[in-house]
Amino acid sequence: MESVRSDPGPRQGDSALTVKILVAGGFGVGKTTLVSAVSEIRPLRTDEALTEKSIGIDDTSAVSQKTTTTVAMDFGRITLPNGLVLFVFGTPGQDRFWFMWDELAKGALGAVVLVDTRRLADCFPSVDYFERRGVPFIIGVNRFDGAGAHTPEQVRDALDLPADIPVIDCDVRDRESAKHVLITLVEHIMRSMSGKQASRI
């Protein structure tokens, strides 16, 4: 990981602009899947097998097929059509690994918060984290099989989010759908940055 820079700014002599973003959300919501789906390089994963020691700690009732958990981070990279390079970091979902969040958030310009509508409350800590730090974020409603029929607007109302924060449906298993989520985030970051600059004038 020494070659991965946390600084999201352009590198001297490089024509490409690199941006660091995070993918967050509750346990088993699809963060690792999204990073793996979009990455143009072999993604870095820090998965460990779920064992009997996690019984009573990790709620797998809604994701009974899940056998591993991210203990540090996921990492992937994607180059968008405009040449922008995204360094995509997936955060761990369980409370006991939250000490990693502050390190991962350094230099990040924005975040995707993934939501499973069957376990909507699981995303509250992520939303609170980015709101408190003033980090632009969007909501990706991951449409797992049987994940419920709540509309994006219903999710927005449940999370009490302002109208300017995008809430979009996605299937993180599908590369184009996951890619659309990241593009939506970049557009939101750009609007947020433009709004901050305008407010200073």
N, C-alpha and C. Protein backbone atom coordinates (compact mmCIF):
# COMPACT_ATOMS: atom_id res chain seq x y z
N MET A 1 0.81 -1.21 0.00
CA MET A 1 0.00 0.00 0.00
C MET A 1 0.85 1.27 0.00
N GLU A 2 2.16 1.15 -0.03
CA GLU A 2 3.00 2.33 0.00
C GLU A 2 2.81 3.20 -1.24
N SER A 3 2.38 2.57 -2.34
CA SER A 3 2.23 3.32 -3.58
C SER A 3 0.92 4.08 -3.65
N VAL A 4 0.01 3.84 -2.69
CA VAL A 4 -1.28 4.51 -2.69
C VAL A 4 -1.17 5.79 -1.90
N ARG A 5 -1.44 6.93 -2.54
CA ARG A 5 -1.34 8.22 -1.88
C ARG A 5 -2.68 8.60 -1.31
N SER A 6 -2.68 9.09 -0.07
CA SER A 6 -3.94 9.55 0.52
C SER A 6 -4.28 10.95 0.05
N ASP A 7 -3.28 11.68 -0.46
CA ASP A 7 -3.52 13.03 -0.97
C ASP A 7 -4.31 12.96 -2.26
N PRO A 8 -5.53 13.51 -2.32
CA PRO A 8 -6.35 13.38 -3.52
C PRO A 8 -5.98 14.37 -4.61
N GLY A 9 -5.03 15.24 -4.39
CA GLY A 9 -4.70 16.27 -5.36
C GLY A 9 -3.86 15.75 -6.52
N PRO A 10 -3.69 16.55 -7.56
CA PRO A 10 -2.91 16.14 -8.71
C PRO A 10 -1.45 16.01 -8.36
N ARG A 11 -0.78 15.06 -9.02
CA ARG A 11 0.65 14.88 -8.80
C ARG A 11 1.42 15.67 -9.85
N GLN A 12 2.53 16.22 -9.43
CA GLN A 12 3.32 17.04 -10.33
C GLN A 12 3.81 16.18 -11.49
N GLY A 13 3.60 16.65 -12.70
CA GLY A 13 4.03 15.92 -13.88
C GLY A 13 2.99 14.96 -14.41
N ASP A 14 1.92 14.73 -13.64
CA ASP A 14 0.85 13.85 -14.09
C ASP A 14 -0.25 14.67 -14.74
N SER A 15 -0.84 14.11 -15.79
CA SER A 15 -1.95 14.79 -16.45
C SER A 15 -3.28 14.44 -15.79
N ALA A 16 -3.31 13.30 -15.06
CA ALA A 16 -4.55 12.85 -14.46
C ALA A 16 -4.72 13.45 -13.07
N LEU A 17 -5.97 13.72 -12.72
CA LEU A 17 -6.31 14.17 -11.38
C LEU A 17 -6.80 12.96 -10.60
N THR A 18 -6.24 12.75 -9.42
CA THR A 18 -6.65 11.62 -8.60
C THR A 18 -7.48 12.11 -7.43
N VAL A 19 -8.55 11.40 -7.13
CA VAL A 19 -9.48 11.76 -6.07
C VAL A 19 -9.71 10.53 -5.19
N LYS A 20 -9.63 10.74 -3.88
CA LYS A 20 -9.90 9.67 -2.92
C LYS A 20 -11.33 9.75 -2.44
N ILE A 21 -12.05 8.63 -2.52
CA ILE A 21 -13.42 8.57 -2.03
C ILE A 21 -13.60 7.33 -1.16
N LEU A 22 -14.62 7.35 -0.33
CA LEU A 22 -14.92 6.24 0.55
C LEU A 22 -16.25 5.60 0.17
N VAL A 23 -16.36 4.30 0.44
CA VAL A 23 -17.62 3.58 0.33
C VAL A 23 -17.92 3.03 1.71
N ALA A 24 -19.01 3.50 2.31
CA ALA A 24 -19.34 3.17 3.69
C ALA A 24 -20.73 2.57 3.78
N GLY A 25 -21.08 2.17 5.00
CA GLY A 25 -22.39 1.58 5.23
C GLY A 25 -22.29 0.47 6.26
N GLY A 26 -23.41 -0.16 6.54
CA GLY A 26 -23.46 -1.19 7.56
C GLY A 26 -22.84 -2.50 7.14
N PHE A 27 -22.82 -3.43 8.05
CA PHE A 27 -22.26 -4.76 7.84
C PHE A 27 -23.02 -5.49 6.73
N GLY A 28 -22.27 -6.00 5.74
CA GLY A 28 -22.87 -6.82 4.71
C GLY A 28 -23.72 -6.08 3.71
N VAL A 29 -23.54 -4.74 3.58
CA VAL A 29 -24.40 -3.97 2.70
C VAL A 29 -23.93 -3.97 1.25
N GLY A 30 -22.67 -4.40 1.00
CA GLY A 30 -22.19 -4.48 -0.38
C GLY A 30 -20.98 -3.62 -0.69
N LYS A 31 -20.28 -3.15 0.31
CA LYS A 31 -19.13 -2.25 0.09
C LYS A 31 -18.01 -2.95 -0.68
N THR A 32 -17.64 -4.14 -0.22
CA THR A 32 -16.58 -4.90 -0.89
C THR A 32 -16.99 -5.25 -2.31
N THR A 33 -18.27 -5.58 -2.49
CA THR A 33 -18.77 -5.94 -3.82
C THR A 33 -18.67 -4.76 -4.77
N LEU A 34 -19.03 -3.57 -4.31
CA LEU A 34 -18.96 -2.38 -5.17
C LEU A 34 -17.51 -2.09 -5.58
N VAL A 35 -16.60 -2.11 -4.62
CA VAL A 35 -15.20 -1.83 -4.94
C VAL A 35 -14.67 -2.86 -5.94
N SER A 36 -15.00 -4.12 -5.73
CA SER A 36 -14.53 -5.17 -6.63
C SER A 36 -15.14 -5.04 -8.02
N ALA A 37 -16.41 -4.60 -8.08
CA ALA A 37 -17.11 -4.50 -9.37
C ALA A 37 -16.51 -3.43 -10.26
N VAL A 38 -16.09 -2.30 -9.67
CA VAL A 38 -15.65 -1.17 -10.49
C VAL A 38 -14.14 -1.11 -10.71
N SER A 39 -13.37 -1.79 -9.89
CA SER A 39 -11.92 -1.60 -9.93
C SER A 39 -11.30 -2.12 -11.21
N GLU A 40 -10.44 -1.30 -11.81
CA GLU A 40 -9.73 -1.70 -13.02
C GLU A 40 -8.43 -2.43 -12.69
N ILE A 41 -8.08 -2.48 -11.42
CA ILE A 41 -6.95 -3.27 -10.95
C ILE A 41 -7.48 -4.36 -10.04
N ARG A 42 -6.64 -5.31 -9.72
CA ARG A 42 -7.06 -6.34 -8.77
C ARG A 42 -7.28 -5.66 -7.42
N PRO A 43 -8.50 -5.70 -6.89
CA PRO A 43 -8.76 -4.95 -5.66
C PRO A 43 -8.05 -5.55 -4.46
N LEU A 44 -7.64 -4.68 -3.56
CA LEU A 44 -7.10 -5.10 -2.28
C LEU A 44 -8.26 -5.35 -1.34
N ARG A 45 -8.27 -6.51 -0.72
CA ARG A 45 -9.33 -6.85 0.23
C ARG A 45 -8.71 -7.35 1.52
N THR A 46 -9.33 -7.02 2.63
CA THR A 46 -8.85 -7.48 3.94
C THR A 46 -9.95 -8.27 4.62
N ASP A 47 -10.46 -9.25 3.93
CA ASP A 47 -11.54 -10.07 4.47
C ASP A 47 -10.98 -11.15 5.41
N GLU A 48 -11.73 -11.38 6.45
CA GLU A 48 -11.45 -12.49 7.36
C GLU A 48 -12.73 -13.30 7.52
N ALA A 49 -12.56 -14.60 7.74
CA ALA A 49 -13.72 -15.48 7.88
C ALA A 49 -14.48 -15.17 9.16
N LEU A 50 -15.81 -15.20 9.05
CA LEU A 50 -16.64 -15.10 10.24
C LEU A 50 -16.53 -16.40 11.03
N THR A 51 -16.32 -16.30 12.32
CA THR A 51 -16.17 -17.47 13.17
C THR A 51 -17.21 -17.46 14.28
N GLU A 52 -17.16 -18.47 15.12
CA GLU A 52 -18.10 -18.55 16.23
C GLU A 52 -17.94 -17.37 17.19
N LYS A 53 -16.73 -16.76 17.21
CA LYS A 53 -16.50 -15.64 18.11
C LYS A 53 -17.34 -14.42 17.73
N SER A 54 -17.81 -14.38 16.48
CA SER A 54 -18.61 -13.22 16.05
C SER A 54 -20.09 -13.40 16.34
N ILE A 55 -20.48 -14.57 16.86
CA ILE A 55 -21.88 -14.81 17.19
C ILE A 55 -22.33 -13.84 18.28
N GLY A 56 -23.44 -13.15 18.03
CA GLY A 56 -23.92 -12.17 18.97
C GLY A 56 -23.33 -10.79 18.76
N ILE A 57 -22.33 -10.70 17.87
CA ILE A 57 -21.69 -9.42 17.56
C ILE A 57 -22.08 -8.97 16.16
N ASP A 58 -21.89 -9.85 15.19
CA ASP A 58 -22.23 -9.55 13.79
C ASP A 58 -23.61 -10.13 13.48
N ASP A 59 -24.53 -9.27 13.09
CA ASP A 59 -25.89 -9.70 12.76
C ASP A 59 -25.93 -10.14 11.31
N THR A 60 -25.98 -11.44 11.08
CA THR A 60 -26.01 -11.98 9.72
C THR A 60 -27.41 -12.44 9.32
N SER A 61 -28.42 -12.06 10.08
CA SER A 61 -29.77 -12.55 9.82
C SER A 61 -30.27 -12.16 8.44
N ALA A 62 -29.88 -10.97 7.96
CA ALA A 62 -30.35 -10.51 6.65
C ALA A 62 -29.37 -10.85 5.54
N VAL A 63 -28.20 -11.36 5.91
CA VAL A 63 -27.18 -11.74 4.92
C VAL A 63 -26.62 -13.10 5.31
N SER A 64 -27.50 -14.08 5.31
CA SER A 64 -27.14 -15.41 5.82
C SER A 64 -26.05 -16.09 5.01
N GLN A 65 -25.84 -15.66 3.76
CA GLN A 65 -24.82 -16.28 2.91
C GLN A 65 -23.43 -15.68 3.16
N LYS A 66 -23.35 -14.63 3.97
CA LYS A 66 -22.07 -13.95 4.18
C LYS A 66 -21.17 -14.79 5.09
N THR A 67 -19.95 -15.03 4.65
CA THR A 67 -19.01 -15.85 5.42
C THR A 67 -17.74 -15.10 5.80
N THR A 68 -17.57 -13.87 5.28
CA THR A 68 -16.37 -13.09 5.59
C THR A 68 -16.77 -11.68 5.97
N THR A 69 -15.81 -10.96 6.56
CA THR A 69 -16.04 -9.57 6.92
C THR A 69 -14.76 -8.77 6.70
N THR A 70 -14.91 -7.50 6.31
CA THR A 70 -13.77 -6.62 6.11
C THR A 70 -13.28 -6.12 7.46
N VAL A 71 -11.98 -6.31 7.72
CA VAL A 71 -11.45 -5.91 9.03
C VAL A 71 -10.60 -4.65 8.96
N ALA A 72 -10.24 -4.20 7.78
CA ALA A 72 -9.45 -2.97 7.66
C ALA A 72 -10.03 -2.08 6.57
N MET A 73 -9.95 -2.54 5.32
CA MET A 73 -10.46 -1.73 4.22
C MET A 73 -10.46 -2.56 2.95
N ASP A 74 -11.15 -2.05 1.95
CA ASP A 74 -11.03 -2.52 0.56
C ASP A 74 -10.42 -1.37 -0.22
N PHE A 75 -9.71 -1.69 -1.29
CA PHE A 75 -9.17 -0.63 -2.14
C PHE A 75 -9.25 -1.04 -3.59
N GLY A 76 -9.70 -0.09 -4.43
CA GLY A 76 -9.71 -0.29 -5.87
C GLY A 76 -9.46 1.04 -6.56
N ARG A 77 -9.29 0.99 -7.85
CA ARG A 77 -9.04 2.20 -8.64
C ARG A 77 -9.82 2.12 -9.93
N ILE A 78 -10.39 3.26 -10.32
CA ILE A 78 -11.11 3.32 -11.59
C ILE A 78 -10.83 4.66 -12.25
N THR A 79 -10.63 4.63 -13.57
CA THR A 79 -10.45 5.84 -14.36
C THR A 79 -11.75 6.15 -15.09
N LEU A 80 -12.31 7.31 -14.83
CA LEU A 80 -13.55 7.71 -15.48
C LEU A 80 -13.28 8.21 -16.89
N PRO A 81 -14.32 8.28 -17.74
CA PRO A 81 -14.13 8.69 -19.13
C PRO A 81 -13.45 10.05 -19.30
N ASN A 82 -13.59 10.94 -18.33
CA ASN A 82 -12.96 12.27 -18.44
C ASN A 82 -11.51 12.27 -17.97
N GLY A 83 -10.99 11.08 -17.63
CA GLY A 83 -9.60 10.97 -17.20
C GLY A 83 -9.39 11.07 -15.71
N LEU A 84 -10.45 11.38 -14.97
CA LEU A 84 -10.36 11.47 -13.52
C LEU A 84 -10.14 10.08 -12.94
N VAL A 85 -9.14 9.95 -12.07
CA VAL A 85 -8.82 8.66 -11.45
C VAL A 85 -9.36 8.67 -10.03
N LEU A 86 -10.19 7.68 -9.71
CA LEU A 86 -10.75 7.57 -8.37
C LEU A 86 -10.03 6.46 -7.61
N PHE A 87 -9.52 6.80 -6.42
CA PHE A 87 -9.04 5.81 -5.48
C PHE A 87 -10.22 5.51 -4.55
N VAL A 88 -10.71 4.29 -4.60
CA VAL A 88 -11.95 3.92 -3.91
C VAL A 88 -11.61 3.05 -2.70
N PHE A 89 -11.92 3.55 -1.51
CA PHE A 89 -11.64 2.84 -0.27
C PHE A 89 -12.96 2.41 0.38
N GLY A 90 -13.11 1.11 0.61
CA GLY A 90 -14.26 0.61 1.33
C GLY A 90 -13.95 0.51 2.81
N THR A 91 -14.86 1.00 3.63
CA THR A 91 -14.65 1.00 5.08
C THR A 91 -15.18 -0.30 5.70
N PRO A 92 -14.64 -0.69 6.86
CA PRO A 92 -15.25 -1.81 7.58
C PRO A 92 -16.61 -1.41 8.13
N GLY A 93 -17.51 -2.38 8.25
CA GLY A 93 -18.87 -2.06 8.64
C GLY A 93 -19.19 -2.19 10.12
N GLN A 94 -18.40 -2.97 10.85
CA GLN A 94 -18.73 -3.21 12.25
C GLN A 94 -18.14 -2.14 13.16
N ASP A 95 -18.84 -1.91 14.27
CA ASP A 95 -18.43 -0.88 15.23
C ASP A 95 -17.01 -1.12 15.74
N ARG A 96 -16.64 -2.38 15.93
CA ARG A 96 -15.34 -2.66 16.54
C ARG A 96 -14.16 -2.32 15.64
N PHE A 97 -14.44 -2.03 14.36
CA PHE A 97 -13.37 -1.64 13.44
C PHE A 97 -13.43 -0.15 13.08
N TRP A 98 -14.21 0.62 13.83
CA TRP A 98 -14.37 2.03 13.50
C TRP A 98 -13.12 2.85 13.73
N PHE A 99 -12.16 2.31 14.47
CA PHE A 99 -10.92 3.05 14.66
C PHE A 99 -10.21 3.28 13.33
N MET A 100 -10.55 2.50 12.31
CA MET A 100 -9.94 2.65 10.98
C MET A 100 -10.50 3.85 10.22
N TRP A 101 -11.70 4.29 10.59
CA TRP A 101 -12.39 5.29 9.78
C TRP A 101 -11.65 6.61 9.68
N ASP A 102 -11.15 7.10 10.81
CA ASP A 102 -10.47 8.41 10.77
C ASP A 102 -9.25 8.37 9.86
N GLU A 103 -8.52 7.27 9.86
CA GLU A 103 -7.36 7.14 8.98
C GLU A 103 -7.80 7.08 7.51
N LEU A 104 -8.82 6.30 7.24
CA LEU A 104 -9.30 6.16 5.86
C LEU A 104 -9.89 7.47 5.35
N ALA A 105 -10.48 8.26 6.24
CA ALA A 105 -11.16 9.49 5.82
C ALA A 105 -10.18 10.62 5.49
N LYS A 106 -8.93 10.51 5.92
CA LYS A 106 -7.96 11.58 5.65
C LYS A 106 -7.78 11.77 4.15
N GLY A 107 -8.02 12.97 3.68
CA GLY A 107 -7.84 13.27 2.26
C GLY A 107 -8.99 12.89 1.36
N ALA A 108 -10.04 12.28 1.92
CA ALA A 108 -11.19 11.87 1.10
C ALA A 108 -12.05 13.09 0.77
N LEU A 109 -12.45 13.21 -0.49
CA LEU A 109 -13.28 14.34 -0.92
C LEU A 109 -14.77 14.05 -0.83
N GLY A 110 -15.13 12.78 -0.70
CA GLY A 110 -16.54 12.45 -0.64
C GLY A 110 -16.73 10.98 -0.32
N ALA A 111 -18.00 10.58 -0.16
CA ALA A 111 -18.31 9.21 0.23
C ALA A 111 -19.64 8.75 -0.35
N VAL A 112 -19.72 7.46 -0.57
CA VAL A 112 -20.97 6.78 -0.89
C VAL A 112 -21.40 6.03 0.37
N VAL A 113 -22.62 6.24 0.81
CA VAL A 113 -23.17 5.46 1.91
C VAL A 113 -24.17 4.47 1.31
N LEU A 114 -23.82 3.19 1.38
CA LEU A 114 -24.71 2.16 0.85
C LEU A 114 -25.77 1.80 1.88
N VAL A 115 -26.98 1.56 1.38
CA VAL A 115 -28.13 1.28 2.23
C VAL A 115 -28.80 0.00 1.78
N ASP A 116 -29.13 -0.85 2.75
CA ASP A 116 -30.00 -1.99 2.54
C ASP A 116 -31.30 -1.64 3.26
N THR A 117 -32.40 -1.48 2.53
CA THR A 117 -33.63 -0.99 3.15
C THR A 117 -34.21 -1.97 4.16
N ARG A 118 -33.74 -3.22 4.16
CA ARG A 118 -34.19 -4.17 5.18
C ARG A 118 -33.55 -3.85 6.53
N ARG A 119 -32.43 -3.10 6.49
CA ARG A 119 -31.68 -2.77 7.72
C ARG A 119 -31.26 -1.31 7.65
N LEU A 120 -32.24 -0.44 7.48
CA LEU A 120 -31.96 0.97 7.24
C LEU A 120 -31.17 1.61 8.37
N ALA A 121 -31.45 1.21 9.60
CA ALA A 121 -30.77 1.83 10.75
C ALA A 121 -29.26 1.60 10.72
N ASP A 122 -28.81 0.58 10.01
CA ASP A 122 -27.37 0.28 9.96
C ASP A 122 -26.56 1.38 9.30
N CYS A 123 -27.22 2.23 8.48
CA CYS A 123 -26.49 3.28 7.78
C CYS A 123 -26.42 4.58 8.58
N PHE A 124 -27.19 4.68 9.67
CA PHE A 124 -27.23 5.92 10.44
C PHE A 124 -25.84 6.37 10.91
N PRO A 125 -25.01 5.47 11.46
CA PRO A 125 -23.68 5.92 11.92
C PRO A 125 -22.84 6.50 10.79
N SER A 126 -22.92 5.93 9.59
CA SER A 126 -22.16 6.45 8.45
C SER A 126 -22.63 7.84 8.06
N VAL A 127 -23.95 8.01 7.98
CA VAL A 127 -24.51 9.31 7.63
C VAL A 127 -24.09 10.35 8.67
N ASP A 128 -24.19 10.00 9.94
CA ASP A 128 -23.80 10.93 11.01
C ASP A 128 -22.32 11.29 10.90
N TYR A 129 -21.49 10.30 10.62
CA TYR A 129 -20.04 10.52 10.54
C TYR A 129 -19.70 11.57 9.49
N PHE A 130 -20.26 11.44 8.30
CA PHE A 130 -19.93 12.37 7.22
C PHE A 130 -20.61 13.73 7.40
N GLU A 131 -21.80 13.73 7.97
CA GLU A 131 -22.46 15.01 8.25
C GLU A 131 -21.65 15.82 9.26
N ARG A 132 -21.18 15.18 10.31
CA ARG A 132 -20.41 15.89 11.34
C ARG A 132 -19.12 16.47 10.80
N ARG A 133 -18.53 15.80 9.83
CA ARG A 133 -17.24 16.25 9.28
C ARG A 133 -17.38 17.09 8.03
N GLY A 134 -18.60 17.33 7.59
CA GLY A 134 -18.81 18.15 6.41
C GLY A 134 -18.30 17.53 5.13
N VAL A 135 -18.28 16.19 5.07
CA VAL A 135 -17.82 15.48 3.87
C VAL A 135 -19.02 15.23 2.96
N PRO A 136 -18.97 15.68 1.70
CA PRO A 136 -20.08 15.42 0.78
C PRO A 136 -20.31 13.92 0.61
N PHE A 137 -21.57 13.51 0.63
CA PHE A 137 -21.87 12.09 0.45
C PHE A 137 -23.18 11.93 -0.30
N ILE A 138 -23.35 10.75 -0.88
CA ILE A 138 -24.61 10.38 -1.51
C ILE A 138 -25.05 9.05 -0.92
N ILE A 139 -26.30 8.71 -1.16
CA ILE A 139 -26.86 7.45 -0.69
C ILE A 139 -27.08 6.54 -1.90
N GLY A 140 -26.54 5.33 -1.82
CA GLY A 140 -26.79 4.31 -2.83
C GLY A 140 -27.67 3.22 -2.22
N VAL A 141 -28.89 3.08 -2.72
CA VAL A 141 -29.81 2.06 -2.20
C VAL A 141 -29.55 0.77 -2.96
N ASN A 142 -28.84 -0.15 -2.32
CA ASN A 142 -28.41 -1.38 -2.98
C ASN A 142 -29.59 -2.34 -3.07
N ARG A 143 -29.95 -2.67 -4.30
CA ARG A 143 -31.12 -3.52 -4.52
C ARG A 143 -30.71 -4.99 -4.54
N PHE A 144 -30.48 -5.54 -3.35
CA PHE A 144 -30.27 -6.97 -3.23
C PHE A 144 -31.54 -7.70 -3.65
N ASP A 145 -31.41 -9.01 -3.89
CA ASP A 145 -32.61 -9.80 -4.15
C ASP A 145 -33.50 -9.74 -2.92
N GLY A 146 -34.72 -9.29 -3.10
CA GLY A 146 -35.65 -9.20 -2.00
C GLY A 146 -35.32 -8.10 -1.01
N ALA A 147 -34.64 -7.03 -1.48
CA ALA A 147 -34.20 -5.98 -0.57
C ALA A 147 -35.29 -4.97 -0.24
N GLY A 148 -36.49 -5.20 -0.71
CA GLY A 148 -37.57 -4.28 -0.36
C GLY A 148 -37.88 -3.32 -1.50
N ALA A 149 -39.03 -2.68 -1.39
CA ALA A 149 -39.52 -1.82 -2.47
C ALA A 149 -39.56 -0.36 -2.08
N HIS A 150 -38.82 0.02 -1.05
CA HIS A 150 -38.81 1.42 -0.65
C HIS A 150 -38.18 2.26 -1.75
N THR A 151 -38.83 3.37 -2.08
CA THR A 151 -38.32 4.25 -3.12
C THR A 151 -37.18 5.11 -2.57
N PRO A 152 -36.35 5.67 -3.45
CA PRO A 152 -35.31 6.59 -2.98
C PRO A 152 -35.87 7.73 -2.15
N GLU A 153 -37.03 8.27 -2.51
CA GLU A 153 -37.61 9.36 -1.74
C GLU A 153 -38.06 8.91 -0.36
N GLN A 154 -38.54 7.67 -0.25
CA GLN A 154 -38.89 7.14 1.06
C GLN A 154 -37.64 6.98 1.93
N VAL A 155 -36.55 6.57 1.30
CA VAL A 155 -35.28 6.45 2.03
C VAL A 155 -34.80 7.83 2.46
N ARG A 156 -34.91 8.81 1.58
CA ARG A 156 -34.52 10.18 1.92
C ARG A 156 -35.31 10.68 3.13
N ASP A 157 -36.63 10.45 3.12
CA ASP A 157 -37.46 10.89 4.23
C ASP A 157 -37.07 10.18 5.52
N ALA A 158 -36.80 8.88 5.44
CA ALA A 158 -36.46 8.11 6.64
C ALA A 158 -35.14 8.58 7.23
N LEU A 159 -34.20 9.02 6.36
CA LEU A 159 -32.90 9.49 6.83
C LEU A 159 -32.89 10.99 7.10
N ASP A 160 -34.02 11.66 6.80
CA ASP A 160 -34.16 13.11 7.02
C ASP A 160 -33.04 13.88 6.31
N LEU A 161 -32.87 13.57 5.02
CA LEU A 161 -31.80 14.20 4.24
C LEU A 161 -32.34 15.37 3.43
N PRO A 162 -31.56 16.41 3.25
CA PRO A 162 -31.98 17.53 2.40
C PRO A 162 -32.06 17.10 0.93
N ALA A 163 -32.76 17.88 0.15
CA ALA A 163 -33.03 17.53 -1.24
C ALA A 163 -31.78 17.53 -2.11
N ASP A 164 -30.71 18.22 -1.69
CA ASP A 164 -29.53 18.32 -2.54
C ASP A 164 -28.61 17.11 -2.43
N ILE A 165 -28.89 16.19 -1.52
CA ILE A 165 -28.07 14.98 -1.40
C ILE A 165 -28.70 13.89 -2.26
N PRO A 166 -28.00 13.42 -3.30
CA PRO A 166 -28.57 12.40 -4.18
C PRO A 166 -28.84 11.09 -3.44
N VAL A 167 -29.98 10.50 -3.71
CA VAL A 167 -30.33 9.16 -3.23
C VAL A 167 -30.74 8.36 -4.46
N ILE A 168 -29.94 7.35 -4.81
CA ILE A 168 -30.17 6.63 -6.06
C ILE A 168 -30.18 5.12 -5.83
N ASP A 169 -30.96 4.43 -6.67
CA ASP A 169 -30.96 2.97 -6.67
C ASP A 169 -29.71 2.45 -7.37
N CYS A 170 -29.24 1.27 -6.95
CA CYS A 170 -28.10 0.66 -7.62
C CYS A 170 -28.09 -0.84 -7.35
N ASP A 171 -27.32 -1.53 -8.15
CA ASP A 171 -27.01 -2.94 -7.92
C ASP A 171 -25.49 -3.03 -7.95
N VAL A 172 -24.87 -3.13 -6.78
CA VAL A 172 -23.41 -3.03 -6.72
C VAL A 172 -22.72 -4.23 -7.35
N ARG A 173 -23.47 -5.27 -7.70
CA ARG A 173 -22.88 -6.41 -8.40
C ARG A 173 -22.63 -6.10 -9.87
N ASP A 174 -23.36 -5.10 -10.37
CA ASP A 174 -23.27 -4.72 -11.78
C ASP A 174 -22.29 -3.57 -11.95
N ARG A 175 -21.27 -3.74 -12.78
CA ARG A 175 -20.21 -2.73 -12.90
C ARG A 175 -20.75 -1.38 -13.35
N GLU A 176 -21.62 -1.36 -14.34
CA GLU A 176 -22.13 -0.09 -14.83
C GLU A 176 -22.97 0.63 -13.78
N SER A 177 -23.76 -0.14 -13.04
CA SER A 177 -24.57 0.46 -11.99
C SER A 177 -23.69 1.03 -10.89
N ALA A 178 -22.67 0.27 -10.48
CA ALA A 178 -21.74 0.74 -9.45
C ALA A 178 -20.96 1.95 -9.94
N LYS A 179 -20.59 1.93 -11.20
CA LYS A 179 -19.87 3.06 -11.80
C LYS A 179 -20.73 4.31 -11.80
N HIS A 180 -22.01 4.15 -12.09
CA HIS A 180 -22.94 5.29 -12.08
C HIS A 180 -23.01 5.92 -10.69
N VAL A 181 -22.94 5.09 -9.66
CA VAL A 181 -22.94 5.61 -8.29
C VAL A 181 -21.74 6.52 -8.07
N LEU A 182 -20.56 6.09 -8.52
CA LEU A 182 -19.35 6.88 -8.32
C LEU A 182 -19.39 8.18 -9.12
N ILE A 183 -19.91 8.11 -10.34
CA ILE A 183 -20.03 9.32 -11.15
C ILE A 183 -20.99 10.31 -10.50
N THR A 184 -22.10 9.79 -9.94
CA THR A 184 -23.04 10.65 -9.23
C THR A 184 -22.38 11.32 -8.05
N LEU A 185 -21.52 10.58 -7.34
CA LEU A 185 -20.80 11.17 -6.21
C LEU A 185 -19.86 12.27 -6.66
N VAL A 186 -19.09 12.02 -7.73
CA VAL A 186 -18.15 13.04 -8.22
C VAL A 186 -18.90 14.31 -8.61
N GLU A 187 -20.04 14.16 -9.28
CA GLU A 187 -20.83 15.33 -9.67
C GLU A 187 -21.32 16.08 -8.43
N HIS A 188 -21.70 15.33 -7.39
CA HIS A 188 -22.16 15.95 -6.15
C HIS A 188 -21.01 16.69 -5.46
N ILE A 189 -19.83 16.10 -5.46
CA ILE A 189 -18.65 16.75 -4.87
C ILE A 189 -18.36 18.07 -5.59
N MET A 190 -18.43 18.04 -6.91
CA MET A 190 -18.15 19.25 -7.70
C MET A 190 -19.17 20.34 -7.39
N ARG A 191 -20.45 19.98 -7.27
CA ARG A 191 -21.46 20.97 -6.93
C ARG A 191 -21.23 21.53 -5.53
N SER A 192 -20.84 20.65 -4.61
CA SER A 192 -20.59 21.09 -3.23
C SER A 192 -19.42 22.06 -3.17
N MET A 193 -18.36 21.75 -3.92
CA MET A 193 -17.18 22.61 -3.94
C MET A 193 -17.50 23.95 -4.58
N SER A 194 -18.32 23.93 -5.65
CA SER A 194 -18.71 25.18 -6.32
C SER A 194 -19.55 26.03 -5.38
N GLY A 195 -20.44 25.38 -4.62
CA GLY A 195 -21.27 26.11 -3.68
C GLY A 195 -20.46 26.77 -2.58
N LYS A 196 -19.43 26.08 -2.09
CA LYS A 196 -18.57 26.64 -1.03
C LYS A 196 -17.78 27.83 -1.57
N GLN A 197 -17.29 27.69 -2.81
CA GLN A 197 -16.53 28.80 -3.41
C GLN A 197 -17.42 30.02 -3.62
N ALA A 198 -18.66 29.80 -4.07
CA ALA A 198 -19.59 30.90 -4.31
C ALA A 198 -19.93 31.63 -3.02
N SER A 199 -20.01 30.86 -1.91
CA SER A 199 -20.38 31.46 -0.64
C SER A 199 -19.27 32.35 -0.08
N ARG A 200 -18.05 32.15 -0.57
CA ARG A 200 -16.93 32.94 -0.08
C ARG A 200 -16.81 34.27 -0.84
N ILE A 201 -17.49 34.35 -1.99
CA ILE A 201 -17.38 35.57 -2.81
C ILE A 201 -18.28 36.68 -2.23
